[in-house]
Amino acid sequence: MQLSVIFIYILIEERGFEKVGEPHVKHLEGELWEIRFQATPSSY
């Protein structure tokens, strides 16, 4: 999960929210964006 969060963060830094788009980020309203990532179940 940490790698997916870092990967999305790097994409946003390099390209901006508008160009990253869904499924990673979703525009809600105004300057408000939702950052999405999929967590995988941990195996114990």
C-alpha atoms as a PDB file:
ATOM      1  CA  MET A   1       0.000   0.000   0.000  1.00  0.00           C
ATOM      2  CA  GLN A   2       2.835   2.423   0.757  1.00  0.00           C
ATOM      3  CA  LEU A   3       4.177   2.103  -2.776  1.00  0.00           C
ATOM      4  CA  SER A   4       0.797   2.860  -4.330  1.00  0.00           C
ATOM      5  CA  VAL A   5       0.428   6.005  -2.190  1.00  0.00           C
ATOM      6  CA  ILE A   6       3.941   7.143  -3.116  1.00  0.00           C
ATOM      7  CA  PHE A   7       3.309   6.354  -6.792  1.00  0.00           C
ATOM      8  CA  ILE A   8       0.106   8.431  -6.851  1.00  0.00           C
ATOM      9  CA  TYR A   9       1.843  11.275  -4.998  1.00  0.00           C
ATOM     10  CA  ILE A  10       4.665  11.329  -7.563  1.00  0.00           C
ATOM     11  CA  LEU A  11       2.174  11.334 -10.443  1.00  0.00           C
ATOM     12  CA  ILE A  12       0.350  14.301  -8.909  1.00  0.00           C
ATOM     13  CA  GLU A  13       3.620  16.183  -8.319  1.00  0.00           C
ATOM     14  CA  GLU A  14       4.826  15.621 -11.894  1.00  0.00           C
ATOM     15  CA  ARG A  15       1.575  16.007 -13.834  1.00  0.00           C
ATOM     16  CA  GLY A  16      -0.995  17.682 -11.596  1.00  0.00           C
ATOM     17  CA  PHE A  17      -4.420  16.494 -10.494  1.00  0.00           C
ATOM     18  CA  GLU A  18      -6.117  17.250 -13.803  1.00  0.00           C
ATOM     19  CA  LYS A  19      -3.796  15.048 -15.850  1.00  0.00           C
ATOM     20  CA  VAL A  20      -3.623  12.149 -13.394  1.00  0.00           C
ATOM     21  CA  GLY A  21      -7.396  11.691 -13.346  1.00  0.00           C
ATOM     22  CA  GLU A  22      -9.444   8.667 -12.408  1.00  0.00           C
ATOM     23  CA  PRO A  23      -9.067   6.051 -11.010  1.00  0.00           C
ATOM     24  CA  HIS A  24      -6.277   7.691  -8.953  1.00  0.00           C
ATOM     25  CA  VAL A  25      -7.839  11.080  -8.222  1.00  0.00           C
ATOM     26  CA  LYS A  26     -11.354  12.448  -8.573  1.00  0.00           C
ATOM     27  CA  HIS A  27     -12.391  16.095  -8.719  1.00  0.00           C
ATOM     28  CA  LEU A  28     -15.140  16.833  -6.204  1.00  0.00           C
ATOM     29  CA  GLU A  29     -15.724  20.603  -6.406  1.00  0.00           C
ATOM     30  CA  GLY A  30     -13.696  23.808  -6.564  1.00  0.00           C
ATOM     31  CA  GLU A  31     -10.187  23.026  -5.333  1.00  0.00           C
ATOM     32  CA  LEU A  32     -11.263  19.825  -3.581  1.00  0.00           C
ATOM     33  CA  TRP A  33      -9.902  16.535  -4.948  1.00  0.00           C
ATOM     34  CA  GLU A  34     -10.190  12.996  -3.649  1.00  0.00           C
ATOM     35  CA  ILE A  35      -7.077  10.826  -3.817  1.00  0.00           C
ATOM     36  CA  ARG A  36      -7.895   7.145  -4.290  1.00  0.00           C
ATOM     37  CA  PHE A  37      -5.777   4.072  -3.897  1.00  0.00           C
ATOM     38  CA  GLN A  38      -6.571   0.420  -3.595  1.00  0.00           C
ATOM     39  CA  ALA A  39      -5.292  -1.386  -0.545  1.00  0.00           C
ATOM     40  CA  THR A  40      -4.458  -5.031  -0.942  1.00  0.00           C
ATOM     41  CA  PRO A  41      -5.114  -7.433   1.915  1.00  0.00           C
ATOM     42  CA  SER A  42      -2.014  -8.307   3.915  1.00  0.00           C
ATOM     43  CA  SER A  43      -1.068 -11.924   4.175  1.00  0.00           C
ATOM     44  CA  TYR A  44      -0.104 -12.972   7.681  1.00  0.00           C
END
